[in-house]
Amino acid sequence: MLNLSEVYSQYDHFWITNSNKQTTSQLVDERRYFIGAAHYKQPWTYLAQVPGVIRAFWRERPTHLLSTGSGRTALIPFLVAKALRLPFLHVDTFSRVNGFSKFGSFLVGIRHRIFCQWESANKNTVYIGPIFKANSQPEKPTKVSHIFVTLGTRTESFSRLLTAVDALVKDGSITDKVIVQAGHTKFSSPNLTVFDFCSSDEIDDLILKARYVITQESAGIGTKCLKSNTRFIVMPRDYAYGELPSQSDMNEDLHLRLEELGYTRVIHDASQLREAITKLDSIRTGFAFDNTLAITTLKRIVEAS
């Protein structure tokens, strides 16, 4: 959403989002309303969002809503906007190349137009290209200081990845210092420097100064790596190991497209991770981002409505 600031910053605006270290640090000077993240398997969690969303609409009186998902936060604002007949502009995730997110699929299913970052033949979509800004990162340092491993913010444990990394440090396959953002995963090892969460700016700095990154499948981390010209390896979470609450969660395919294009390696266990590290130099860097089409399209639609 921050990459779309050229659209909303020229208008009076406010945020409805979840509260975490990233949102509280990034939005410290913004008007924001925090609601808990809901889940379709626990429908009562959506009901808990209703008072906060209605309070935000009552105080702010919005004329348009701009959303990048997910439905865990955006569904109730969408329903309120629908009831009030307000334009709801949803940009679907960059992480889904073929198909849509759950929320995007829901909107398309009820014939609500959505904006896509990858081309789609569905008549209810409008292609706007990537929303990410052209590379604005500082130049990558000539001397890199560490390997960065990140597990994101999911509540499910992903100790399998950290166990694999720890084993490769022990056998000498990894000799650099390893810094781990473990999130909700509890893991301790003398071979790894582990912390739970930090701000988005700190994540950017850790990626920029890393020799390479190892991550779960994540459009956010993947694009940060691409923008900082940092090579990265993806190990997707697996439902069979209890790393996801359902088989359909994180059903993303961006990492597979990026692997096809040569910009990452996708691995599933420690042996594949070891092999990917030995072939690290074959991973491409220099992916170009340009959100001009996205900005001009969304601006035009806001003005027209």
Foldseek 3Di string as FASTA:
>chain_A
DVLLCLQPVVDQDEEEEADDQACCVVQVPGHYFHADFADPVHVVSVVRCQVRLVVCCVVPVDQEAEEADDCSGCVNVVVVCVVVVHHYEYEFDPQAQDDTDPRVVVCVVVLAAYEYQHDDPRPSYHYQHDSHAWQPDPAQDPAAAAEEEEEDADQFFDCQVVVLVVVCCVVVLDVGAYEYQRANHDDDDPRHHYDHDHYPVVLLVNLSRHQAYEYESDPVNLVSNQSSQHQYEYAHDDVVVVRDPDRSPPPGCNVVVLVVVQQYHYDHHSVVVSVCSVVRVSRGHDDTGHSPSVNVVSNVVVVVD
